[in-house]
All heavy atoms as atom14 arrays in JSON, in Angstrom:
{
  "sequence": "LIAGAALAHDLGLEVHAGHGITYDSVSPLAAIPQVVELNIGHFIIGEA",
  "atom14_mask": [
    [1, 1, 1, 1, 1, 1, 1, 1, 0, 0, 0, 0, 0, 0],
    [1, 1, 1, 1, 1, 1, 1, 1, 0, 0, 0, 0, 0, 0],
    [1, 1, 1, 1, 1, 0, 0, 0, 0, 0, 0, 0, 0, 0],
    [1, 1, 1, 1, 0, 0, 0, 0, 0, 0, 0, 0, 0, 0],
    [1, 1, 1, 1, 1, 0, 0, 0, 0, 0, 0, 0, 0, 0],
    [1, 1, 1, 1, 1, 0, 0, 0, 0, 0, 0, 0, 0, 0],
    [1, 1, 1, 1, 1, 1, 1, 1, 0, 0, 0, 0, 0, 0],
    [1, 1, 1, 1, 1, 0, 0, 0, 0, 0, 0, 0, 0, 0],
    [1, 1, 1, 1, 1, 1, 1, 1, 1, 1, 0, 0, 0, 0],
    [1, 1, 1, 1, 1, 1, 1, 1, 0, 0, 0, 0, 0, 0],
    [1, 1, 1, 1, 1, 1, 1, 1, 0, 0, 0, 0, 0, 0],
    [1, 1, 1, 1, 0, 0, 0, 0, 0, 0, 0, 0, 0, 0],
    [1, 1, 1, 1, 1, 1, 1, 1, 0, 0, 0, 0, 0, 0],
    [1, 1, 1, 1, 1, 1, 1, 1, 1, 0, 0, 0, 0, 0],
    [1, 1, 1, 1, 1, 1, 1, 0, 0, 0, 0, 0, 0, 0],
    [1, 1, 1, 1, 1, 1, 1, 1, 1, 1, 0, 0, 0, 0],
    [1, 1, 1, 1, 1, 0, 0, 0, 0, 0, 0, 0, 0, 0],
    [1, 1, 1, 1, 0, 0, 0, 0, 0, 0, 0, 0, 0, 0],
    [1, 1, 1, 1, 1, 1, 1, 1, 1, 1, 0, 0, 0, 0],
    [1, 1, 1, 1, 0, 0, 0, 0, 0, 0, 0, 0, 0, 0],
    [1, 1, 1, 1, 1, 1, 1, 1, 0, 0, 0, 0, 0, 0],
    [1, 1, 1, 1, 1, 1, 1, 0, 0, 0, 0, 0, 0, 0],
    [1, 1, 1, 1, 1, 1, 1, 1, 1, 1, 1, 1, 0, 0],
    [1, 1, 1, 1, 1, 1, 1, 1, 0, 0, 0, 0, 0, 0],
    [1, 1, 1, 1, 1, 1, 0, 0, 0, 0, 0, 0, 0, 0],
    [1, 1, 1, 1, 1, 1, 1, 0, 0, 0, 0, 0, 0, 0],
    [1, 1, 1, 1, 1, 1, 0, 0, 0, 0, 0, 0, 0, 0],
    [1, 1, 1, 1, 1, 1, 1, 0, 0, 0, 0, 0, 0, 0],
    [1, 1, 1, 1, 1, 1, 1, 1, 0, 0, 0, 0, 0, 0],
    [1, 1, 1, 1, 1, 0, 0, 0, 0, 0, 0, 0, 0, 0],
    [1, 1, 1, 1, 1, 0, 0, 0, 0, 0, 0, 0, 0, 0],
    [1, 1, 1, 1, 1, 1, 1, 1, 0, 0, 0, 0, 0, 0],
    [1, 1, 1, 1, 1, 1, 1, 0, 0, 0, 0, 0, 0, 0],
    [1, 1, 1, 1, 1, 1, 1, 1, 1, 0, 0, 0, 0, 0],
    [1, 1, 1, 1, 1, 1, 1, 0, 0, 0, 0, 0, 0, 0],
    [1, 1, 1, 1, 1, 1, 1, 0, 0, 0, 0, 0, 0, 0],
    [1, 1, 1, 1, 1, 1, 1, 1, 1, 0, 0, 0, 0, 0],
    [1, 1, 1, 1, 1, 1, 1, 1, 0, 0, 0, 0, 0, 0],
    [1, 1, 1, 1, 1, 1, 1, 1, 0, 0, 0, 0, 0, 0],
    [1, 1, 1, 1, 1, 1, 1, 1, 0, 0, 0, 0, 0, 0],
    [1, 1, 1, 1, 0, 0, 0, 0, 0, 0, 0, 0, 0, 0],
    [1, 1, 1, 1, 1, 1, 1, 1, 1, 1, 0, 0, 0, 0],
    [1, 1, 1, 1, 1, 1, 1, 1, 1, 1, 1, 0, 0, 0],
    [1, 1, 1, 1, 1, 1, 1, 1, 0, 0, 0, 0, 0, 0],
    [1, 1, 1, 1, 1, 1, 1, 1, 0, 0, 0, 0, 0, 0],
    [1, 1, 1, 1, 0, 0, 0, 0, 0, 0, 0, 0, 0, 0],
    [1, 1, 1, 1, 1, 1, 1, 1, 1, 0, 0, 0, 0, 0],
    [1, 1, 1, 1, 1, 0, 0, 0, 0, 0, 0, 0, 0, 0]
  ],
  "atom14_positions": [
    [[-20.9, 127.49, -2.24], [-19.89, 126.43, -2.37], [-19.16, 126.52, -3.7], [-17.94, 126.34, -3.77], [-20.55, 125.07, -2.21], [-21.01, 124.73, -0.79], [-22.03, 123.59, -0.82], [-19.83, 124.37, 0.09], [0.0, 0.0, 0.0], [0.0, 0.0, 0.0], [0.0, 0.0, 0.0], [0.0, 0.0, 0.0], [0.0, 0.0, 0.0], [0.0, 0.0, 0.0]],
    [[-19.89, 126.81, -4.77], [-19.27, 126.95, -6.09], [-18.26, 128.1, -6.09], [-17.13, 127.96, -6.57], [-20.36, 127.16, -7.16], [-21.16, 125.87, -7.36], [-19.74, 127.61, -8.48], [-22.42, 126.04, -8.21], [0.0, 0.0, 0.0], [0.0, 0.0, 0.0], [0.0, 0.0, 0.0], [0.0, 0.0, 0.0], [0.0, 0.0, 0.0], [0.0, 0.0, 0.0]],
    [[-18.66, 129.24, -5.52], [-17.76, 130.4, -5.46], [-16.56, 130.11, -4.57], [-15.42, 130.47, -4.89], [-18.52, 131.62, -4.96], [0.0, 0.0, 0.0], [0.0, 0.0, 0.0], [0.0, 0.0, 0.0], [0.0, 0.0, 0.0], [0.0, 0.0, 0.0], [0.0, 0.0, 0.0], [0.0, 0.0, 0.0], [0.0, 0.0, 0.0], [0.0, 0.0, 0.0]],
    [[-16.8, 129.44, -3.44], [-15.7, 129.11, -2.53], [-14.7, 128.17, -3.16], [-13.48, 128.33, -2.99], [0.0, 0.0, 0.0], [0.0, 0.0, 0.0], [0.0, 0.0, 0.0], [0.0, 0.0, 0.0], [0.0, 0.0, 0.0], [0.0, 0.0, 0.0], [0.0, 0.0, 0.0], [0.0, 0.0, 0.0], [0.0, 0.0, 0.0], [0.0, 0.0, 0.0]],
    [[-15.2, 127.18, -3.89], [-14.3, 126.23, -4.55], [-13.45, 126.93, -5.6], [-12.25, 126.65, -5.73], [-15.11, 125.11, -5.19], [0.0, 0.0, 0.0], [0.0, 0.0, 0.0], [0.0, 0.0, 0.0], [0.0, 0.0, 0.0], [0.0, 0.0, 0.0], [0.0, 0.0, 0.0], [0.0, 0.0, 0.0], [0.0, 0.0, 0.0], [0.0, 0.0, 0.0]],
    [[-14.04, 127.84, -6.34], [-13.29, 128.57, -7.36], [-12.21, 129.44, -6.73], [-11.07, 129.48, -7.21], [-14.25, 129.43, -8.2], [0.0, 0.0, 0.0], [0.0, 0.0, 0.0], [0.0, 0.0, 0.0], [0.0, 0.0, 0.0], [0.0, 0.0, 0.0], [0.0, 0.0, 0.0], [0.0, 0.0, 0.0], [0.0, 0.0, 0.0], [0.0, 0.0, 0.0]],
    [[-12.55, 130.13, -5.64], [-11.56, 130.97, -4.96], [-10.42, 130.13, -4.4], [-9.24, 130.47, -4.58], [-12.23, 131.75, -3.83], [-11.29, 132.55, -2.93], [-10.52, 133.61, -3.72], [-12.07, 133.18, -1.77], [0.0, 0.0, 0.0], [0.0, 0.0, 0.0], [0.0, 0.0, 0.0], [0.0, 0.0, 0.0], [0.0, 0.0, 0.0], [0.0, 0.0, 0.0]],
    [[-10.75, 129.04, -3.73], [-9.71, 128.19, -3.15], [-8.77, 127.66, -4.23], [-7.54, 127.65, -4.06], [-10.36, 127.03, -2.38], [0.0, 0.0, 0.0], [0.0, 0.0, 0.0], [0.0, 0.0, 0.0], [0.0, 0.0, 0.0], [0.0, 0.0, 0.0], [0.0, 0.0, 0.0], [0.0, 0.0, 0.0], [0.0, 0.0, 0.0], [0.0, 0.0, 0.0]],
    [[-9.33, 127.23, -5.33], [-8.51, 126.74, -6.44], [-7.59, 127.84, -6.96], [-6.4, 127.6, -7.23], [-9.41, 126.21, -7.55], [-8.66, 125.77, -8.77], [-7.95, 124.59, -8.83], [-8.47, 126.38, -9.97], [-7.39, 124.48, -10.02], [-7.69, 125.55, -10.72], [0.0, 0.0, 0.0], [0.0, 0.0, 0.0], [0.0, 0.0, 0.0], [0.0, 0.0, 0.0]],
    [[-8.12, 129.03, -7.12], [-7.32, 130.15, -7.62], [-6.17, 130.49, -6.67], [-5.13, 131.01, -7.11], [-8.2, 131.39, -7.83], [-9.13, 131.25, -9.02], [-8.91, 130.34, -9.85], [-10.09, 132.04, -9.12], [0.0, 0.0, 0.0], [0.0, 0.0, 0.0], [0.0, 0.0, 0.0], [0.0, 0.0, 0.0], [0.0, 0.0, 0.0], [0.0, 0.0, 0.0]],
    [[-6.35, 130.2, -5.38], [-5.3, 130.48, -4.39], [-4.31, 129.33, -4.26], [-3.41, 129.38, -3.42], [-5.95, 130.76, -3.03], [-6.74, 132.06, -2.93], [-7.48, 132.14, -1.59], [-5.84, 133.28, -3.11], [0.0, 0.0, 0.0], [0.0, 0.0, 0.0], [0.0, 0.0, 0.0], [0.0, 0.0, 0.0], [0.0, 0.0, 0.0], [0.0, 0.0, 0.0]],
    [[-4.47, 128.3, -5.08], [-3.52, 127.2, -5.09], [-3.85, 126.08, -4.13], [-3.01, 125.19, -3.9], [0.0, 0.0, 0.0], [0.0, 0.0, 0.0], [0.0, 0.0, 0.0], [0.0, 0.0, 0.0], [0.0, 0.0, 0.0], [0.0, 0.0, 0.0], [0.0, 0.0, 0.0], [0.0, 0.0, 0.0], [0.0, 0.0, 0.0], [0.0, 0.0, 0.0]],
    [[-5.05, 126.07, -3.58], [-5.46, 125.03, -2.64], [-6.19, 123.91, -3.38], [-6.96, 124.17, -4.31], [-6.41, 125.61, -1.58], [-5.79, 126.65, -0.64], [-6.88, 127.47, 0.03], [-4.92, 125.96, 0.41], [0.0, 0.0, 0.0], [0.0, 0.0, 0.0], [0.0, 0.0, 0.0], [0.0, 0.0, 0.0], [0.0, 0.0, 0.0], [0.0, 0.0, 0.0]],
    [[-5.95, 122.67, -2.97], [-6.76, 121.57, -3.46], [-8.1, 121.63, -2.73], [-8.15, 121.92, -1.53], [-6.07, 120.24, -3.21], [-6.82, 119.04, -3.76], [-5.99, 117.76, -3.69], [-4.92, 117.71, -4.32], [-6.42, 116.82, -2.98], [0.0, 0.0, 0.0], [0.0, 0.0, 0.0], [0.0, 0.0, 0.0], [0.0, 0.0, 0.0], [0.0, 0.0, 0.0]],
    [[-9.17, 121.32, -3.46], [-10.51, 121.51, -2.89], [-11.22, 120.17, -2.72], [-11.39, 119.41, -3.67], [-11.37, 122.43, -3.79], [-12.72, 122.71, -3.11], [-10.65, 123.73, -4.1], [0.0, 0.0, 0.0], [0.0, 0.0, 0.0], [0.0, 0.0, 0.0], [0.0, 0.0, 0.0], [0.0, 0.0, 0.0], [0.0, 0.0, 0.0], [0.0, 0.0, 0.0]],
    [[-11.63, 119.9, -1.46], [-12.47, 118.76, -1.13], [-13.78, 119.3, -0.58], [-13.91, 120.5, -0.3], [-11.81, 117.88, -0.07], [-10.48, 117.33, -0.47], [-9.71, 116.56, 0.38], [-9.76, 117.42, -1.62], [-8.59, 116.2, -0.23], [-8.6, 116.72, -1.45], [0.0, 0.0, 0.0], [0.0, 0.0, 0.0], [0.0, 0.0, 0.0], [0.0, 0.0, 0.0]],
    [[-14.76, 118.44, -0.4], [-16.03, 118.84, 0.18], [-16.62, 117.67, 0.95], [-16.39, 116.51, 0.6], [-17.01, 119.32, -0.89], [0.0, 0.0, 0.0], [0.0, 0.0, 0.0], [0.0, 0.0, 0.0], [0.0, 0.0, 0.0], [0.0, 0.0, 0.0], [0.0, 0.0, 0.0], [0.0, 0.0, 0.0], [0.0, 0.0, 0.0], [0.0, 0.0, 0.0]],
    [[-17.39, 117.97, 1.99], [-18.01, 116.9, 2.75], [-18.88, 117.39, 3.88], [-18.79, 118.55, 4.29], [0.0, 0.0, 0.0], [0.0, 0.0, 0.0], [0.0, 0.0, 0.0], [0.0, 0.0, 0.0], [0.0, 0.0, 0.0], [0.0, 0.0, 0.0], [0.0, 0.0, 0.0], [0.0, 0.0, 0.0], [0.0, 0.0, 0.0], [0.0, 0.0, 0.0]],
    [[-19.72, 116.54, 4.37], [-20.61, 116.65, 5.52], [-22.07, 116.59, 5.09], [-22.56, 117.46, 4.37], [-20.39, 117.92, 6.35], [-20.96, 117.77, 7.75], [-20.3, 117.08, 8.75], [-22.12, 118.18, 8.29], [-21.03, 117.1, 9.85], [-22.15, 117.75, 9.6], [0.0, 0.0, 0.0], [0.0, 0.0, 0.0], [0.0, 0.0, 0.0], [0.0, 0.0, 0.0]],
    [[-22.72, 115.52, 5.53], [-24.15, 115.38, 5.32], [-24.57, 114.95, 3.93], [-25.77, 115.0, 3.6], [0.0, 0.0, 0.0], [0.0, 0.0, 0.0], [0.0, 0.0, 0.0], [0.0, 0.0, 0.0], [0.0, 0.0, 0.0], [0.0, 0.0, 0.0], [0.0, 0.0, 0.0], [0.0, 0.0, 0.0], [0.0, 0.0, 0.0], [0.0, 0.0, 0.0]],
    [[-23.63, 114.53, 3.1], [-23.94, 114.22, 1.7], [-24.7, 112.9, 1.59], [-24.34, 111.91, 2.21], [-22.65, 114.17, 0.86], [-21.93, 115.53, 0.91], [-22.96, 113.79, -0.58], [-20.55, 115.52, 0.27], [0.0, 0.0, 0.0], [0.0, 0.0, 0.0], [0.0, 0.0, 0.0], [0.0, 0.0, 0.0], [0.0, 0.0, 0.0], [0.0, 0.0, 0.0]],
    [[-25.76, 112.92, 0.78], [-26.6, 111.74, 0.53], [-26.73, 111.53, -0.98], [-26.24, 112.34, -1.77], [-28.0, 111.93, 1.13], [-28.7, 112.94, 0.37], [-27.95, 112.36, 2.6], [0.0, 0.0, 0.0], [0.0, 0.0, 0.0], [0.0, 0.0, 0.0], [0.0, 0.0, 0.0], [0.0, 0.0, 0.0], [0.0, 0.0, 0.0], [0.0, 0.0, 0.0]],
    [[-27.44, 110.49, -1.35], [-27.72, 110.27, -2.77], [-28.47, 111.46, -3.37], [-28.29, 111.78, -4.54], [-28.55, 109.0, -2.97], [-27.9, 107.7, -2.59], [-28.66, 106.63, -2.14], [-26.51, 107.51, -2.67], [-28.08, 105.41, -1.79], [-25.92, 106.31, -2.32], [-26.71, 105.26, -1.88], [-26.13, 104.06, -1.53], [0.0, 0.0, 0.0], [0.0, 0.0, 0.0]],
    [[-29.32, 112.1, -2.58], [-30.14, 113.2, -3.1], [-29.36, 114.49, -3.26], [-29.76, 115.36, -4.05], [-31.32, 113.45, -2.16], [-32.32, 112.32, -2.16], [-32.42, 111.62, -3.18], [-33.0, 112.13, -1.13], [0.0, 0.0, 0.0], [0.0, 0.0, 0.0], [0.0, 0.0, 0.0], [0.0, 0.0, 0.0], [0.0, 0.0, 0.0], [0.0, 0.0, 0.0]],
    [[-28.27, 114.65, -2.53], [-27.54, 115.93, -2.57], [-26.18, 115.85, -3.26], [-25.54, 116.88, -3.49], [-27.36, 116.47, -1.14], [-26.7, 115.53, -0.32], [0.0, 0.0, 0.0], [0.0, 0.0, 0.0], [0.0, 0.0, 0.0], [0.0, 0.0, 0.0], [0.0, 0.0, 0.0], [0.0, 0.0, 0.0], [0.0, 0.0, 0.0], [0.0, 0.0, 0.0]],
    [[-25.72, 114.65, -3.62], [-24.34, 114.51, -4.08], [-24.1, 115.08, -5.47], [-23.03, 115.64, -5.74], [-23.89, 113.03, -4.02], [-24.62, 112.18, -5.04], [-22.38, 112.92, -4.2], [0.0, 0.0, 0.0], [0.0, 0.0, 0.0], [0.0, 0.0, 0.0], [0.0, 0.0, 0.0], [0.0, 0.0, 0.0], [0.0, 0.0, 0.0], [0.0, 0.0, 0.0]],
    [[-25.06, 114.97, -6.38], [-24.77, 115.27, -7.79], [-24.33, 116.71, -8.03], [-23.32, 116.94, -8.72], [-25.97, 114.9, -8.66], [-26.2, 113.51, -8.62], [0.0, 0.0, 0.0], [0.0, 0.0, 0.0], [0.0, 0.0, 0.0], [0.0, 0.0, 0.0], [0.0, 0.0, 0.0], [0.0, 0.0, 0.0], [0.0, 0.0, 0.0], [0.0, 0.0, 0.0]],
    [[-25.03, 117.73, -7.51], [-24.56, 119.09, -7.74], [-23.18, 119.37, -7.14], [-22.41, 120.16, -7.69], [-25.64, 119.96, -7.08], [-26.87, 119.1, -7.1], [-26.36, 117.72, -6.84], [0.0, 0.0, 0.0], [0.0, 0.0, 0.0], [0.0, 0.0, 0.0], [0.0, 0.0, 0.0], [0.0, 0.0, 0.0], [0.0, 0.0, 0.0], [0.0, 0.0, 0.0]],
    [[-22.87, 118.72, -6.03], [-21.53, 118.89, -5.44], [-20.47, 118.23, -6.3], [-19.39, 118.79, -6.52], [-21.51, 118.3, -4.03], [-22.48, 118.92, -3.02], [-22.51, 118.11, -1.75], [-22.1, 120.37, -2.73], [0.0, 0.0, 0.0], [0.0, 0.0, 0.0], [0.0, 0.0, 0.0], [0.0, 0.0, 0.0], [0.0, 0.0, 0.0], [0.0, 0.0, 0.0]],
    [[-20.78, 117.05, -6.8], [-19.83, 116.34, -7.65], [-19.59, 117.07, -8.96], [-18.55, 116.88, -9.6], [-20.34, 114.92, -7.93], [0.0, 0.0, 0.0], [0.0, 0.0, 0.0], [0.0, 0.0, 0.0], [0.0, 0.0, 0.0], [0.0, 0.0, 0.0], [0.0, 0.0, 0.0], [0.0, 0.0, 0.0], [0.0, 0.0, 0.0], [0.0, 0.0, 0.0]],
    [[-20.53, 117.9, -9.35], [-20.4, 118.63, -10.61], [-19.55, 119.9, -10.5], [-19.21, 120.5, -11.52], [-21.8, 119.01, -11.14], [0.0, 0.0, 0.0], [0.0, 0.0, 0.0], [0.0, 0.0, 0.0], [0.0, 0.0, 0.0], [0.0, 0.0, 0.0], [0.0, 0.0, 0.0], [0.0, 0.0, 0.0], [0.0, 0.0, 0.0], [0.0, 0.0, 0.0]],
    [[-19.17, 120.3, -9.28], [-18.33, 121.49, -9.12], [-16.93, 121.15, -9.63], [-16.26, 120.27, -9.06], [-18.28, 121.94, -7.64], [-19.68, 122.28, -7.14], [-17.34, 123.14, -7.49], [-19.75, 122.58, -5.65], [0.0, 0.0, 0.0], [0.0, 0.0, 0.0], [0.0, 0.0, 0.0], [0.0, 0.0, 0.0], [0.0, 0.0, 0.0], [0.0, 0.0, 0.0]],
    [[-16.45, 121.78, -10.67], [-15.24, 121.29, -11.34], [-13.98, 121.36, -10.49], [-13.07, 120.55, -10.67], [-15.13, 122.19, -12.58], [-15.95, 123.39, -12.28], [-17.06, 122.93, -11.38], [0.0, 0.0, 0.0], [0.0, 0.0, 0.0], [0.0, 0.0, 0.0], [0.0, 0.0, 0.0], [0.0, 0.0, 0.0], [0.0, 0.0, 0.0], [0.0, 0.0, 0.0]],
    [[-13.89, 122.31, -9.57], [-12.67, 122.44, -8.77], [-12.59, 121.42, -7.63], [-11.52, 121.21, -7.06], [-12.56, 123.85, -8.17], [-12.38, 124.95, -9.2], [-13.71, 125.47, -9.73], [-14.79, 124.99, -9.35], [-13.65, 126.45, -10.61], [0.0, 0.0, 0.0], [0.0, 0.0, 0.0], [0.0, 0.0, 0.0], [0.0, 0.0, 0.0], [0.0, 0.0, 0.0]],
    [[-13.71, 120.8, -7.3], [-13.71, 119.8, -6.23], [-13.11, 118.5, -6.75], [-13.58, 117.95, -7.75], [-15.13, 119.58, -5.69], [-15.15, 118.42, -4.69], [-15.67, 120.84, -5.04], [0.0, 0.0, 0.0], [0.0, 0.0, 0.0], [0.0, 0.0, 0.0], [0.0, 0.0, 0.0], [0.0, 0.0, 0.0], [0.0, 0.0, 0.0], [0.0, 0.0, 0.0]],
    [[-12.1, 118.0, -6.07], [-11.44, 116.76, -6.51], [-11.73, 115.58, -5.61], [-11.4, 114.44, -5.94], [-9.91, 116.96, -6.64], [-9.59, 118.07, -7.64], [-9.26, 117.23, -5.29], [0.0, 0.0, 0.0], [0.0, 0.0, 0.0], [0.0, 0.0, 0.0], [0.0, 0.0, 0.0], [0.0, 0.0, 0.0], [0.0, 0.0, 0.0], [0.0, 0.0, 0.0]],
    [[-12.37, 115.83, -4.44], [-12.66, 114.73, -3.52], [-13.88, 115.06, -2.69], [-14.02, 116.18, -2.19], [-11.45, 114.48, -2.61], [-11.64, 113.35, -1.6], [-10.35, 113.06, -0.85], [-9.32, 112.83, -1.51], [-10.37, 113.08, 0.4], [0.0, 0.0, 0.0], [0.0, 0.0, 0.0], [0.0, 0.0, 0.0], [0.0, 0.0, 0.0], [0.0, 0.0, 0.0]],
    [[-14.76, 114.07, -2.54], [-15.86, 114.16, -1.6], [-15.6, 113.17, -0.47], [-15.22, 112.02, -0.72], [-17.19, 113.82, -2.27], [-17.67, 114.76, -3.38], [-19.0, 114.28, -3.94], [-17.8, 116.2, -2.87], [0.0, 0.0, 0.0], [0.0, 0.0, 0.0], [0.0, 0.0, 0.0], [0.0, 0.0, 0.0], [0.0, 0.0, 0.0], [0.0, 0.0, 0.0]],
    [[-15.83, 113.6, 0.77], [-15.7, 112.72, 1.92], [-17.08, 112.48, 2.51], [-17.77, 113.43, 2.91], [-14.75, 113.33, 2.96], [-13.31, 113.19, 2.54], [-12.82, 112.08, 2.4], [-12.63, 114.31, 2.31], [0.0, 0.0, 0.0], [0.0, 0.0, 0.0], [0.0, 0.0, 0.0], [0.0, 0.0, 0.0], [0.0, 0.0, 0.0], [0.0, 0.0, 0.0]],
    [[-17.49, 111.22, 2.52], [-18.86, 110.84, 2.9], [-18.78, 109.65, 3.84], [-18.09, 108.68, 3.56], [-19.69, 110.47, 1.65], [-19.6, 111.59, 0.59], [-21.14, 110.2, 2.03], [-20.24, 111.24, -0.74], [0.0, 0.0, 0.0], [0.0, 0.0, 0.0], [0.0, 0.0, 0.0], [0.0, 0.0, 0.0], [0.0, 0.0, 0.0], [0.0, 0.0, 0.0]],
    [[-19.51, 109.73, 4.95], [-19.44, 108.65, 5.91], [-20.78, 108.18, 6.43], [-21.24, 107.08, 6.12], [0.0, 0.0, 0.0], [0.0, 0.0, 0.0], [0.0, 0.0, 0.0], [0.0, 0.0, 0.0], [0.0, 0.0, 0.0], [0.0, 0.0, 0.0], [0.0, 0.0, 0.0], [0.0, 0.0, 0.0], [0.0, 0.0, 0.0], [0.0, 0.0, 0.0]],
    [[-21.44, 109.02, 7.22], [-22.64, 108.59, 7.94], [-23.69, 107.99, 7.02], [-24.25, 106.92, 7.31], [-23.22, 109.78, 8.71], [-24.39, 109.44, 9.56], [-25.69, 109.53, 9.11], [-24.46, 109.01, 10.84], [-26.5, 109.15, 10.08], [-25.79, 108.84, 11.14], [0.0, 0.0, 0.0], [0.0, 0.0, 0.0], [0.0, 0.0, 0.0], [0.0, 0.0, 0.0]],
    [[-23.95, 108.64, 5.9], [-25.0, 108.14, 5.0], [-24.62, 106.79, 4.4], [-25.45, 105.88, 4.34], [-25.28, 109.16, 3.9], [-26.36, 108.7, 2.96], [-27.7, 108.82, 3.3], [-26.04, 108.13, 1.73], [-28.7, 108.37, 2.45], [-27.04, 107.69, 0.87], [-28.36, 107.81, 1.23], [0.0, 0.0, 0.0], [0.0, 0.0, 0.0], [0.0, 0.0, 0.0]],
    [[-23.38, 106.65, 3.96], [-22.97, 105.38, 3.35], [-23.04, 104.25, 4.37], [-23.53, 103.15, 4.08], [-21.55, 105.5, 2.76], [-21.58, 106.37, 1.49], [-20.98, 104.11, 2.43], [-20.22, 106.61, 0.87], [0.0, 0.0, 0.0], [0.0, 0.0, 0.0], [0.0, 0.0, 0.0], [0.0, 0.0, 0.0], [0.0, 0.0, 0.0], [0.0, 0.0, 0.0]],
    [[-22.58, 104.51, 5.6], [-22.63, 103.47, 6.63], [-24.08, 103.14, 6.97], [-24.44, 101.97, 7.17], [-21.85, 103.91, 7.89], [-20.36, 104.14, 7.55], [-21.99, 102.87, 8.99], [-19.66, 102.97, 6.89], [0.0, 0.0, 0.0], [0.0, 0.0, 0.0], [0.0, 0.0, 0.0], [0.0, 0.0, 0.0], [0.0, 0.0, 0.0], [0.0, 0.0, 0.0]],
    [[-24.95, 104.15, 7.01], [-26.36, 103.9, 7.26], [-27.0, 103.06, 6.16], [-27.73, 102.09, 6.44], [0.0, 0.0, 0.0], [0.0, 0.0, 0.0], [0.0, 0.0, 0.0], [0.0, 0.0, 0.0], [0.0, 0.0, 0.0], [0.0, 0.0, 0.0], [0.0, 0.0, 0.0], [0.0, 0.0, 0.0], [0.0, 0.0, 0.0], [0.0, 0.0, 0.0]],
    [[-26.74, 103.4, 4.92], [-27.27, 102.63, 3.8], [-26.74, 101.2, 3.8], [-27.42, 100.26, 3.38], [-26.91, 103.31, 2.48], [-27.79, 104.48, 2.12], [-29.23, 104.05, 1.86], [-29.47, 103.3, 0.89], [-30.1, 104.45, 2.65], [0.0, 0.0, 0.0], [0.0, 0.0, 0.0], [0.0, 0.0, 0.0], [0.0, 0.0, 0.0], [0.0, 0.0, 0.0]],
    [[-25.5, 101.04, 4.27], [-24.89, 99.71, 4.28], [-25.66, 98.74, 5.17], [-25.62, 97.52, 4.94], [-23.44, 99.81, 4.75], [0.0, 0.0, 0.0], [0.0, 0.0, 0.0], [0.0, 0.0, 0.0], [0.0, 0.0, 0.0], [0.0, 0.0, 0.0], [0.0, 0.0, 0.0], [0.0, 0.0, 0.0], [0.0, 0.0, 0.0], [0.0, 0.0, 0.0]]
  ]
}
């Protein structure tokens, strides 16, 4: 994911990430510098 985000950014694409993200998995994804948006649904609605 880190390598993919870097490549996409270098090609001029804005980089988002999502699917299956929880409190336990979010931090390393949020730390990828090229990622500007995380899309999270099922876990947040479940926790709600």
